[in-house]
């Protein structure tokens, strides 16, 4: 019986490494989905940010300056014109929206 428990435990440890590697790869993919940009305008009334951005790889979109809705209006209070940011934009209905946002310091 002890040999069976030992074998089960060893099997669990052998599965832990691939699981950790898969989690690290998912984190890297999420990181890659973030794009870099510069806030050009914050429009709290309209709930939008104007961002001059590089390529949006997750959307296969080249760099440009464009308006985005924000998924969370609290994002508008975290940035100001001139801030360098990393962000993720996604389709939300017919519009593109910023779903993640962090200021680069």
PDB file of N, CA and C in Angstrom:
ATOM      1  N   UNK A   1       0.815  -1.193   0.000  1.00  0.00           N
ATOM      2  CA  UNK A   1       0.000   0.000   0.000  1.00  0.00           C
ATOM      3  C   UNK A   1       0.859   1.257   0.000  1.00  0.00           C
ATOM      4  N   UNK A   2       1.934   1.280   0.764  1.00  0.00           N
ATOM      5  CA  UNK A   2       2.807   2.442   0.805  1.00  0.00           C
ATOM      6  C   UNK A   2       3.437   2.719  -0.554  1.00  0.00           C
ATOM      7  N   UNK A   3       3.771   1.673  -1.282  1.00  0.00           N
ATOM      8  CA  UNK A   3       4.357   1.849  -2.613  1.00  0.00           C
ATOM      9  C   UNK A   3       3.353   2.502  -3.548  1.00  0.00           C
ATOM     10  N   UNK A   4       2.088   2.144  -3.405  1.00  0.00           N
ATOM     11  CA  UNK A   4       1.038   2.735  -4.237  1.00  0.00           C
ATOM     12  C   UNK A   4       0.867   4.221  -3.936  1.00  0.00           C
ATOM     13  N   UNK A   5       0.887   4.593  -2.659  1.00  0.00           N
ATOM     14  CA  UNK A   5       0.774   6.001  -2.267  1.00  0.00           C
ATOM     15  C   UNK A   5       1.979   6.781  -2.775  1.00  0.00           C
ATOM     16  N   UNK A   6       3.167   6.188  -2.632  1.00  0.00           N
ATOM     17  CA  UNK A   6       4.385   6.833  -3.111  1.00  0.00           C
ATOM     18  C   UNK A   6       4.332   7.050  -4.623  1.00  0.00           C
ATOM     19  N   UNK A   7       3.861   6.055  -5.346  1.00  0.00           N
ATOM     20  CA  UNK A   7       3.749   6.166  -6.806  1.00  0.00           C
ATOM     21  C   UNK A   7       2.761   7.270  -7.183  1.00  0.00           C
ATOM     22  N   UNK A   8       1.660   7.351  -6.443  1.00  0.00           N
ATOM     23  CA  UNK A   8       0.666   8.399  -6.723  1.00  0.00           C
ATOM     24  C   UNK A   8       1.246   9.782  -6.468  1.00  0.00           C
ATOM     25  N   UNK A   9       1.961   9.923  -5.367  1.00  0.00           N
ATOM     26  CA  UNK A   9       2.580  11.216  -5.054  1.00  0.00           C
ATOM     27  C   UNK A   9       3.612  11.601  -6.097  1.00  0.00           C
ATOM     28  N   UNK A  10       4.430  10.654  -6.513  1.00  0.00           N
ATOM     29  CA  UNK A  10       5.433  10.944  -7.550  1.00  0.00           C
ATOM     30  C   UNK A  10       4.750  11.343  -8.851  1.00  0.00           C
ATOM     31  N   UNK A  11       3.638  10.703  -9.154  1.00  0.00           N
ATOM     32  CA  UNK A  11       2.882  11.059 -10.352  1.00  0.00           C
ATOM     33  C   UNK A  11       2.349  12.472 -10.282  1.00  0.00           C
ATOM     34  N   UNK A  12       1.910  12.884  -9.106  1.00  0.00           N
ATOM     35  CA  UNK A  12       1.402  14.243  -8.928  1.00  0.00           C
ATOM     36  C   UNK A  12       2.513  15.263  -9.132  1.00  0.00           C
ATOM     37  N   UNK A  13       3.703  14.978  -8.614  1.00  0.00           N
ATOM     38  CA  UNK A  13       4.820  15.904  -8.786  1.00  0.00           C
ATOM     39  C   UNK A  13       5.251  15.995 -10.242  1.00  0.00           C
ATOM     40  N   UNK A  14       5.159  14.875 -10.960  1.00  0.00           N
ATOM     41  CA  UNK A  14       5.566  14.901 -12.364  1.00  0.00           C
ATOM     42  C   UNK A  14       4.586  15.712 -13.199  1.00  0.00           C
ATOM     43  N   UNK A  15       3.339  15.851 -12.728  1.00  0.00           N
ATOM     44  CA  UNK A  15       2.347  16.665 -13.432  1.00  0.00           C
ATOM     45  C   UNK A  15       2.465  18.141 -13.076  1.00  0.00           C
ATOM     46  N   UNK A  16       3.073  18.454 -11.949  1.00  0.00           N
ATOM     47  CA  UNK A  16       3.157  19.840 -11.485  1.00  0.00           C
ATOM     48  C   UNK A  16       4.014  20.695 -12.412  1.00  0.00           C
ATOM     49  N   UNK A  17       5.120  20.156 -12.893  1.00  0.00           N
ATOM     50  CA  UNK A  17       6.014  20.945 -13.757  1.00  0.00           C
ATOM     51  C   UNK A  17       5.328  21.359 -15.059  1.00  0.00           C
ATOM     52  N   UNK A  18       4.680  20.434 -15.777  1.00  0.00           N
ATOM     53  CA  UNK A  18       3.982  20.871 -17.001  1.00  0.00           C
ATOM     54  C   UNK A  18       2.865  21.872 -16.721  1.00  0.00           C
ATOM     55  N   UNK A  19       2.178  21.702 -15.592  1.00  0.00           N
ATOM     56  CA  UNK A  19       1.114  22.641 -15.235  1.00  0.00           C
ATOM     57  C   UNK A  19       1.684  24.035 -14.992  1.00  0.00           C
ATOM     58  N   UNK A  20       2.778  24.105 -14.260  1.00  0.00           N
ATOM     59  CA  UNK A  20       3.427  25.398 -14.003  1.00  0.00           C
ATOM     60  C   UNK A  20       3.896  26.024 -15.305  1.00  0.00           C
ATOM     61  N   UNK A  21       4.424  25.214 -16.204  1.00  0.00           N
ATOM     62  CA  UNK A  21       4.892  25.724 -17.502  1.00  0.00           C
ATOM     63  C   UNK A  21       3.709  26.261 -18.313  1.00  0.00           C
ATOM     64  N   UNK A  22       2.589  25.551 -18.308  1.00  0.00           N
ATOM     65  CA  UNK A  22       1.403  26.010 -19.045  1.00  0.00           C
ATOM     66  C   UNK A  22       0.892  27.327 -18.481  1.00  0.00           C
ATOM     67  N   UNK A  23       0.899  27.456 -17.146  1.00  0.00           N
ATOM     68  CA  UNK A  23       0.458  28.701 -16.522  1.00  0.00           C
ATOM     69  C   UNK A  23       1.382  29.854 -16.891  1.00  0.00           C
ATOM     70  N   UNK A  24       2.687  29.591 -16.941  1.00  0.00           N
ATOM     71  CA  UNK A  24       3.652  30.626 -17.324  1.00  0.00           C
ATOM     72  C   UNK A  24       3.433  31.043 -18.774  1.00  0.00           C
ATOM     73  N   UNK A  25       3.122  30.092 -19.638  1.00  0.00           N
ATOM     74  CA  UNK A  25       2.867  30.414 -21.044  1.00  0.00           C
ATOM     75  C   UNK A  25       1.598  31.249 -21.186  1.00  0.00           C
ATOM     76  N   UNK A  26       0.569  30.933 -20.402  1.00  0.00           N
ATOM     77  CA  UNK A  26      -0.659  31.725 -20.444  1.00  0.00           C
ATOM     78  C   UNK A  26      -0.404  33.148 -19.985  1.00  0.00           C
ATOM     79  N   UNK A  27       0.418  33.312 -18.961  1.00  0.00           N
ATOM     80  CA  UNK A  27       0.760  34.651 -18.478  1.00  0.00           C
ATOM     81  C   UNK A  27       1.517  35.418 -19.547  1.00  0.00           C
ATOM     82  N   UNK A  28       2.414  34.730 -20.271  1.00  0.00           N
ATOM     83  CA  UNK A  28       3.175  35.382 -21.338  1.00  0.00           C
ATOM     84  C   UNK A  28       2.252  35.809 -22.472  1.00  0.00           C
ATOM     85  N   UNK A  29       1.282  34.983 -22.809  1.00  0.00           N
ATOM     86  CA  UNK A  29       0.317  35.338 -23.855  1.00  0.00           C
ATOM     87  C   UNK A  29      -0.489  36.553 -23.422  1.00  0.00           C
ATOM     88  N   UNK A  30      -0.928  36.574 -22.171  1.00  0.00           N
ATOM     89  CA  UNK A  30      -1.679  37.728 -21.663  1.00  0.00           C
ATOM     90  C   UNK A  30      -0.817  38.974 -21.707  1.00  0.00           C
ATOM     91  N   UNK A  31       0.455  38.850 -21.367  1.00  0.00           N
ATOM     92  CA  UNK A  31       1.384  39.981 -21.401  1.00  0.00           C
ATOM     93  C   UNK A  31       1.544  40.467 -22.838  1.00  0.00           C
ATOM     94  N   UNK A  32       1.648  39.516 -23.793  1.00  0.00           N
ATOM     95  CA  UNK A  32       1.796  39.886 -25.196  1.00  0.00           C
ATOM     96  C   UNK A  32       0.557  40.596 -25.725  1.00  0.00           C
ATOM     97  N   UNK A  33      -0.596  40.317 -25.142  1.00  0.00           N
ATOM     98  CA  UNK A  33      -1.825  40.952 -25.596  1.00  0.00           C
ATOM     99  C   UNK A  33      -1.860  42.432 -25.222  1.00  0.00           C
ATOM    100  N   UNK A  34      -1.018  42.816 -24.278  1.00  0.00           N
ATOM    101  CA  UNK A  34      -0.933  44.225 -23.890  1.00  0.00           C
ATOM    102  C   UNK A  34      -0.163  44.981 -24.975  1.00  0.00           C
ATOM    103  N   UNK A  35      -0.640  46.151 -25.300  1.00  0.00           N
ATOM    104  CA  UNK A  35      -0.010  47.014 -26.290  1.00  0.00           C
ATOM    105  C   UNK A  35       0.487  48.276 -25.606  1.00  0.00           C
ATOM    106  N   UNK A  36       1.430  48.941 -26.237  1.00  0.00           N
ATOM    107  CA  UNK A  36       1.969  50.179 -25.678  1.00  0.00           C
ATOM    108  C   UNK A  36       1.356  51.371 -26.393  1.00  0.00           C
ATOM    109  N   UNK A  37       1.203  52.454 -25.643  1.00  0.00           N
ATOM    110  CA  UNK A  37       0.637  53.643 -26.243  1.00  0.00           C
ATOM    111  C   UNK A  37       0.839  54.861 -25.370  1.00  0.00           C
ATOM    112  N   UNK A  38       0.322  55.976 -25.859  1.00  0.00           N
ATOM    113  CA  UNK A  38       0.373  57.234 -25.126  1.00  0.00           C
ATOM    114  C   UNK A  38      -1.024  57.842 -25.121  1.00  0.00           C
ATOM    115  N   UNK A  39      -1.476  58.222 -23.935  1.00  0.00           N
ATOM    116  CA  UNK A  39      -2.789  58.850 -23.815  1.00  0.00           C
ATOM    117  C   UNK A  39      -2.714  60.244 -24.427  1.00  0.00           C
ATOM    118  N   UNK A  40      -3.583  60.517 -25.372  1.00  0.00           N
ATOM    119  CA  UNK A  40      -3.653  61.834 -25.996  1.00  0.00           C
ATOM    120  C   UNK A  40      -4.792  62.669 -25.420  1.00  0.00           C
ATOM    121  N   UNK A  41      -5.883  61.984 -24.998  1.00  0.00           N
ATOM    122  CA  UNK A  41      -7.029  62.713 -24.461  1.00  0.00           C
ATOM    123  C   UNK A  41      -7.840  61.788 -23.563  1.00  0.00           C
ATOM    124  N   UNK A  42      -8.341  62.341 -22.481  1.00  0.00           N
ATOM    125  CA  UNK A  42      -9.259  61.635 -21.588  1.00  0.00           C
ATOM    126  C   UNK A  42     -10.590  62.369 -21.660  1.00  0.00           C
ATOM    127  N   UNK A  43     -11.630  61.684 -22.116  1.00  0.00           N
ATOM    128  CA  UNK A  43     -12.961  62.279 -22.238  1.00  0.00           C
ATOM    129  C   UNK A  43     -13.896  61.557 -21.259  1.00  0.00           C
ATOM    130  N   UNK A  44     -13.984  62.070 -20.046  1.00  0.00           N
ATOM    131  CA  UNK A  44     -14.785  61.420 -19.006  1.00  0.00           C
ATOM    132  C   UNK A  44     -16.272  61.430 -19.350  1.00  0.00           C
ATOM    133  N   UNK A  45     -16.747  62.514 -19.959  1.00  0.00           N
ATOM    134  CA  UNK A  45     -18.159  62.610 -20.318  1.00  0.00           C
ATOM    135  C   UNK A  45     -18.575  61.516 -21.284  1.00  0.00           C
ATOM    136  N   UNK A  46     -17.737  61.270 -22.287  1.00  0.00           N
ATOM    137  CA  UNK A  46     -18.051  60.251 -23.291  1.00  0.00           C
ATOM    138  C   UNK A  46     -17.584  58.858 -22.869  1.00  0.00           C
ATOM    139  N   UNK A  47     -16.769  58.771 -21.814  1.00  0.00           N
ATOM    140  CA  UNK A  47     -16.245  57.480 -21.376  1.00  0.00           C
ATOM    141  C   UNK A  47     -15.232  56.904 -22.341  1.00  0.00           C
ATOM    142  N   UNK A  48     -14.379  57.815 -22.888  1.00  0.00           N
ATOM    143  CA  UNK A  48     -13.428  57.383 -23.916  1.00  0.00           C
ATOM    144  C   UNK A  48     -12.020  57.893 -23.645  1.00  0.00           C
ATOM    145  N   UNK A  49     -11.066  57.144 -24.182  1.00  0.00           N
ATOM    146  CA  UNK A  49      -9.663  57.545 -24.203  1.00  0.00           C
ATOM    147  C   UNK A  49      -9.213  57.633 -25.645  1.00  0.00           C
ATOM    148  N   UNK A  50      -8.420  58.658 -25.947  1.00  0.00           N
ATOM    149  CA  UNK A  50      -7.753  58.717 -27.246  1.00  0.00           C
ATOM    150  C   UNK A  50      -6.326  58.271 -26.986  1.00  0.00           C
ATOM    151  N   UNK A  51      -5.910  57.219 -27.695  1.00  0.00           N
ATOM    152  CA  UNK A  51      -4.589  56.632 -27.472  1.00  0.00           C
ATOM    153  C   UNK A  51      -3.839  56.533 -28.793  1.00  0.00           C
ATOM    154  N   UNK A  52      -2.612  57.045 -28.778  1.00  0.00           N
ATOM    155  CA  UNK A  52      -1.688  56.821 -29.894  1.00  0.00           C
ATOM    156  C   UNK A  52      -0.962  55.527 -29.530  1.00  0.00           C
ATOM    157  N   UNK A  53      -1.169  54.486 -30.341  1.00  0.00           N
ATOM    158  CA  UNK A  53      -0.677  53.173 -29.959  1.00  0.00           C
ATOM    159  C   UNK A  53       0.147  52.511 -31.050  1.00  0.00           C
ATOM    160  N   UNK A  54       0.923  51.539 -30.611  1.00  0.00           N
ATOM    161  CA  UNK A  54       1.640  50.669 -31.537  1.00  0.00           C
ATOM    162  C   UNK A  54       0.693  49.579 -32.018  1.00  0.00           C
ATOM    163  N   UNK A  55       1.253  48.557 -32.611  1.00  0.00           N
ATOM    164  CA  UNK A  55       0.459  47.452 -33.138  1.00  0.00           C
ATOM    165  C   UNK A  55      -0.379  46.809 -32.025  1.00  0.00           C
ATOM    166  N   UNK A  56      -1.625  46.519 -32.335  1.00  0.00           N
ATOM    167  CA  UNK A  56      -2.498  45.765 -31.435  1.00  0.00           C
ATOM    168  C   UNK A  56      -2.516  44.335 -31.961  1.00  0.00           C
ATOM    169  N   UNK A  57      -1.583  43.532 -31.479  1.00  0.00           N
ATOM    170  CA  UNK A  57      -1.400  42.178 -32.011  1.00  0.00           C
ATOM    171  C   UNK A  57      -2.644  41.327 -31.874  1.00  0.00           C
ATOM    172  N   UNK A  58      -3.337  41.433 -30.736  1.00  0.00           N
ATOM    173  CA  UNK A  58      -4.512  40.590 -30.542  1.00  0.00           C
ATOM    174  C   UNK A  58      -5.654  40.956 -31.491  1.00  0.00           C
ATOM    175  N   UNK A  59      -5.612  42.141 -32.082  1.00  0.00           N
ATOM    176  CA  UNK A  59      -6.642  42.575 -33.031  1.00  0.00           C
ATOM    177  C   UNK A  59      -6.122  42.674 -34.461  1.00  0.00           C
ATOM    178  N   UNK A  60      -4.844  42.312 -34.660  1.00  0.00           N
ATOM    179  CA  UNK A  60      -4.191  42.431 -35.967  1.00  0.00           C
ATOM    180  C   UNK A  60      -4.398  43.827 -36.559  1.00  0.00           C
ATOM    181  N   UNK A  61      -4.100  44.837 -35.745  1.00  0.00           N
ATOM    182  CA  UNK A  61      -4.304  46.232 -36.139  1.00  0.00           C
ATOM    183  C   UNK A  61      -2.972  46.973 -36.058  1.00  0.00           C
ATOM    184  N   UNK A  62      -2.641  47.737 -37.100  1.00  0.00           N
ATOM    185  CA  UNK A  62      -1.383  48.496 -37.055  1.00  0.00           C
ATOM    186  C   UNK A  62      -1.470  49.673 -36.089  1.00  0.00           C
ATOM    187  N   UNK A  63      -0.331  50.253 -35.786  1.00  0.00           N
ATOM    188  CA  UNK A  63      -0.286  51.419 -34.925  1.00  0.00           C
ATOM    189  C   UNK A  63      -1.014  52.602 -35.533  1.00  0.00           C
ATOM    190  N   UNK A  64      -1.659  53.391 -34.684  1.00  0.00           N
ATOM    191  CA  UNK A  64      -2.381  54.595 -35.114  1.00  0.00           C
ATOM    192  C   UNK A  64      -2.866  55.330 -33.875  1.00  0.00           C
ATOM    193  N   UNK A  65      -3.570  56.421 -34.059  1.00  0.00           N
ATOM    194  CA  UNK A  65      -4.215  57.127 -32.956  1.00  0.00           C
ATOM    195  C   UNK A  65      -5.708  56.955 -33.118  1.00  0.00           C
ATOM    196  N   UNK A  66      -6.362  56.507 -32.043  1.00  0.00           N
ATOM    197  CA  UNK A  66      -7.805  56.278 -32.139  1.00  0.00           C
ATOM    198  C   UNK A  66      -8.474  56.392 -30.778  1.00  0.00           C
ATOM    199  N   UNK A  67      -9.799  56.502 -30.814  1.00  0.00           N
ATOM    200  CA  UNK A  67     -10.612  56.577 -29.597  1.00  0.00           C
ATOM    201  C   UNK A  67     -11.038  55.172 -29.186  1.00  0.00           C
ATOM    202  N   UNK A  68     -11.050  54.944 -27.885  1.00  0.00           N
ATOM    203  CA  UNK A  68     -11.512  53.676 -27.330  1.00  0.00           C
ATOM    204  C   UNK A  68     -12.503  53.966 -26.215  1.00  0.00           C
ATOM    205  N   UNK A  69     -13.531  53.179 -26.128  1.00  0.00           N
ATOM    206  CA  UNK A  69     -14.364  53.177 -24.927  1.00  0.00           C
ATOM    207  C   UNK A  69     -13.551  52.501 -23.836  1.00  0.00           C
ATOM    208  N   UNK A  70     -13.982  52.618 -22.598  1.00  0.00           N
ATOM    209  CA  UNK A  70     -13.324  51.905 -21.511  1.00  0.00           C
ATOM    210  C   UNK A  70     -14.325  50.938 -20.887  1.00  0.00           C
ATOM    211  N   UNK A  71     -13.857  49.751 -20.543  1.00  0.00           N
ATOM    212  CA  UNK A  71     -14.723  48.753 -19.934  1.00  0.00           C
ATOM    213  C   UNK A  71     -15.132  49.179 -18.531  1.00  0.00           C
ATOM    214  N   UNK A  72     -14.246  49.907 -17.863  1.00  0.00           N
ATOM    215  CA  UNK A  72     -14.499  50.360 -16.491  1.00  0.00           C
ATOM    216  C   UNK A  72     -14.254  51.867 -16.425  1.00  0.00           C
ATOM    217  N   UNK A  73     -15.269  52.668 -16.155  1.00  0.00           N
ATOM    218  CA  UNK A  73     -15.085  54.124 -16.110  1.00  0.00           C
ATOM    219  C   UNK A  73     -14.015  54.587 -15.121  1.00  0.00           C
ATOM    220  N   UNK A  74     -13.697  53.790 -14.122  1.00  0.00           N
ATOM    221  CA  UNK A  74     -12.646  54.154 -13.157  1.00  0.00           C
ATOM    222  C   UNK A  74     -11.284  54.281 -13.834  1.00  0.00           C
ATOM    223  N   UNK A  75     -11.116  53.644 -14.983  1.00  0.00           N
ATOM    224  CA  UNK A  75      -9.850  53.757 -15.730  1.00  0.00           C
ATOM    225  C   UNK A  75      -9.565  55.202 -16.116  1.00  0.00           C
ATOM    226  N   UNK A  76     -10.616  55.962 -16.352  1.00  0.00           N
ATOM    227  CA  UNK A  76     -10.452  57.344 -16.794  1.00  0.00           C
ATOM    228  C   UNK A  76      -9.791  58.215 -15.736  1.00  0.00           C
ATOM    229  N   UNK A  77      -9.931  57.820 -14.474  1.00  0.00           N
ATOM    230  CA  UNK A  77      -9.336  58.583 -13.374  1.00  0.00           C
ATOM    231  C   UNK A  77      -7.871  58.221 -13.136  1.00  0.00           C
ATOM    232  N   UNK A  78      -7.404  57.171 -13.768  1.00  0.00           N
ATOM    233  CA  UNK A  78      -6.043  56.685 -13.533  1.00  0.00           C
ATOM    234  C   UNK A  78      -5.015  57.277 -14.485  1.00  0.00           C
ATOM    235  N   UNK A  79      -5.472  57.940 -15.545  1.00  0.00           N
ATOM    236  CA  UNK A  79      -4.551  58.443 -16.561  1.00  0.00           C
ATOM    237  C   UNK A  79      -4.845  59.885 -16.922  1.00  0.00           C
ATOM    238  N   UNK A  80      -3.851  60.503 -17.543  1.00  0.00           N
ATOM    239  CA  UNK A  80      -4.014  61.867 -18.049  1.00  0.00           C
ATOM    240  C   UNK A  80      -3.276  61.959 -19.377  1.00  0.00           C
ATOM    241  N   UNK A  81      -3.557  62.980 -20.149  1.00  0.00           N
ATOM    242  CA  UNK A  81      -2.880  63.182 -21.435  1.00  0.00           C
ATOM    243  C   UNK A  81      -1.373  63.205 -21.204  1.00  0.00           C
ATOM    244  N   UNK A  82      -0.658  62.493 -22.055  1.00  0.00           N
ATOM    245  CA  UNK A  82       0.796  62.429 -21.972  1.00  0.00           C
ATOM    246  C   UNK A  82       1.314  61.177 -21.278  1.00  0.00           C
ATOM    247  N   UNK A  83       0.439  60.467 -20.544  1.00  0.00           N
ATOM    248  CA  UNK A  83       0.872  59.240 -19.861  1.00  0.00           C
ATOM    249  C   UNK A  83       1.212  58.150 -20.874  1.00  0.00           C
ATOM    250  N   UNK A  84       2.308  57.458 -20.622  1.00  0.00           N
ATOM    251  CA  UNK A  84       2.662  56.260 -21.386  1.00  0.00           C
ATOM    252  C   UNK A  84       1.951  55.104 -20.702  1.00  0.00           C
ATOM    253  N   UNK A  85       1.315  54.246 -21.496  1.00  0.00           N
ATOM    254  CA  UNK A  85       0.524  53.162 -20.933  1.00  0.00           C
ATOM    255  C   UNK A  85       0.769  51.844 -21.656  1.00  0.00           C
ATOM    256  N   UNK A  86       0.407  50.785 -20.958  1.00  0.00           N
ATOM    257  CA  UNK A  86       0.245  49.466 -21.553  1.00  0.00           C
ATOM    258  C   UNK A  86      -1.233  49.157 -21.378  1.00  0.00           C
ATOM    259  N   UNK A  87      -1.852  48.626 -22.430  1.00  0.00           N
ATOM    260  CA  UNK A  87      -3.288  48.396 -22.366  1.00  0.00           C
ATOM    261  C   UNK A  87      -3.680  47.230 -23.256  1.00  0.00           C
ATOM    262  N   UNK A  88      -4.862  46.733 -22.988  1.00  0.00           N
ATOM    263  CA  UNK A  88      -5.436  45.693 -23.832  1.00  0.00           C
ATOM    264  C   UNK A  88      -6.756  46.216 -24.356  1.00  0.00           C
ATOM    265  N   UNK A  89      -6.935  46.116 -25.650  1.00  0.00           N
ATOM    266  CA  UNK A  89      -8.192  46.515 -26.281  1.00  0.00           C
ATOM    267  C   UNK A  89      -8.853  45.265 -26.856  1.00  0.00           C
ATOM    268  N   UNK A  90     -10.169  45.221 -26.714  1.00  0.00           N
ATOM    269  CA  UNK A  90     -10.931  44.087 -27.215  1.00  0.00           C
ATOM    270  C   UNK A  90     -12.236  44.580 -27.817  1.00  0.00           C
ATOM    271  N   UNK A  91     -12.821  43.741 -28.666  1.00  0.00           N
ATOM    272  CA  UNK A  91     -14.138  44.050 -29.213  1.00  0.00           C
ATOM    273  C   UNK A  91     -15.172  43.888 -28.118  1.00  0.00           C
ATOM    274  N   UNK A  92     -15.980  44.920 -27.938  1.00  0.00           N
ATOM    275  CA  UNK A  92     -17.127  44.862 -27.030  1.00  0.00           C
ATOM    276  C   UNK A  92     -18.316  45.364 -27.834  1.00  0.00           C
ATOM    277  N   UNK A  93     -19.080  44.436 -28.334  1.00  0.00           N
ATOM    278  CA  UNK A  93     -20.165  44.809 -29.228  1.00  0.00           C
ATOM    279  C   UNK A  93     -19.571  45.332 -30.530  1.00  0.00           C
ATOM    280  N   UNK A  94     -20.057  46.463 -30.989  1.00  0.00           N
ATOM    281  CA  UNK A  94     -19.577  47.044 -32.243  1.00  0.00           C
ATOM    282  C   UNK A  94     -18.366  47.945 -32.046  1.00  0.00           C
ATOM    283  N   UNK A  95     -17.970  48.159 -30.793  1.00  0.00           N
ATOM    284  CA  UNK A  95     -16.877  49.095 -30.502  1.00  0.00           C
ATOM    285  C   UNK A  95     -15.666  48.363 -29.937  1.00  0.00           C
ATOM    286  N   UNK A  96     -14.536  49.055 -29.990  1.00  0.00           N
ATOM    287  CA  UNK A  96     -13.333  48.575 -29.312  1.00  0.00           C
ATOM    288  C   UNK A  96     -13.276  49.243 -27.952  1.00  0.00           C
ATOM    289  N   UNK A  97     -12.918  48.469 -26.946  1.00  0.00           N
ATOM    290  CA  UNK A  97     -12.840  49.016 -25.588  1.00  0.00           C
ATOM    291  C   UNK A  97     -11.534  48.597 -24.929  1.00  0.00           C
ATOM    292  N   UNK A  98     -11.024  49.487 -24.096  1.00  0.00           N
ATOM    293  CA  UNK A  98      -9.858  49.177 -23.276  1.00  0.00           C
ATOM    294  C   UNK A  98     -10.371  48.346 -22.097  1.00  0.00           C
ATOM    295  N   UNK A  99      -9.822  47.133 -21.972  1.00  0.00           N
ATOM    296  CA  UNK A  99     -10.268  46.235 -20.892  1.00  0.00           C
ATOM    297  C   UNK A  99      -9.232  46.088 -19.799  1.00  0.00           C
ATOM    298  N   UNK A 100      -8.000  46.522 -20.064  1.00  0.00           N
ATOM    299  CA  UNK A 100      -6.935  46.501 -19.052  1.00  0.00           C
ATOM    300  C   UNK A 100      -6.048  47.702 -19.350  1.00  0.00           C
ATOM    301  N   UNK A 101      -5.569  48.357 -18.289  1.00  0.00           N
ATOM    302  CA  UNK A 101      -4.799  49.583 -18.459  1.00  0.00           C
ATOM    303  C   UNK A 101      -3.827  49.754 -17.302  1.00  0.00           C
ATOM    304  N   UNK A 102      -2.565  50.041 -17.634  1.00  0.00           N
ATOM    305  CA  UNK A 102      -1.578  50.344 -16.598  1.00  0.00           C
ATOM    306  C   UNK A 102      -0.653  51.438 -17.098  1.00  0.00           C
ATOM    307  N   UNK A 103      -0.348  52.363 -16.214  1.00  0.00           N
ATOM    308  CA  UNK A 103       0.569  53.453 -16.541  1.00  0.00           C
ATOM    309  C   UNK A 103       1.986  52.919 -16.436  1.00  0.00           C
ATOM    310  N   UNK A 104       2.812  53.261 -17.426  1.00  0.00           N
ATOM    311  CA  UNK A 104       4.209  52.854 -17.435  1.00  0.00           C
ATOM    312  C   UNK A 104       5.011  53.963 -16.762  1.00  0.00           C
ATOM    313  N   UNK A 105       5.711  53.627 -15.717  1.00  0.00           N
ATOM    314  CA  UNK A 105       6.510  54.634 -14.984  1.00  0.00           C
ATOM    315  C   UNK A 105       7.962  54.470 -15.307  1.00  0.00           C
TER     316      UNK A 105
END
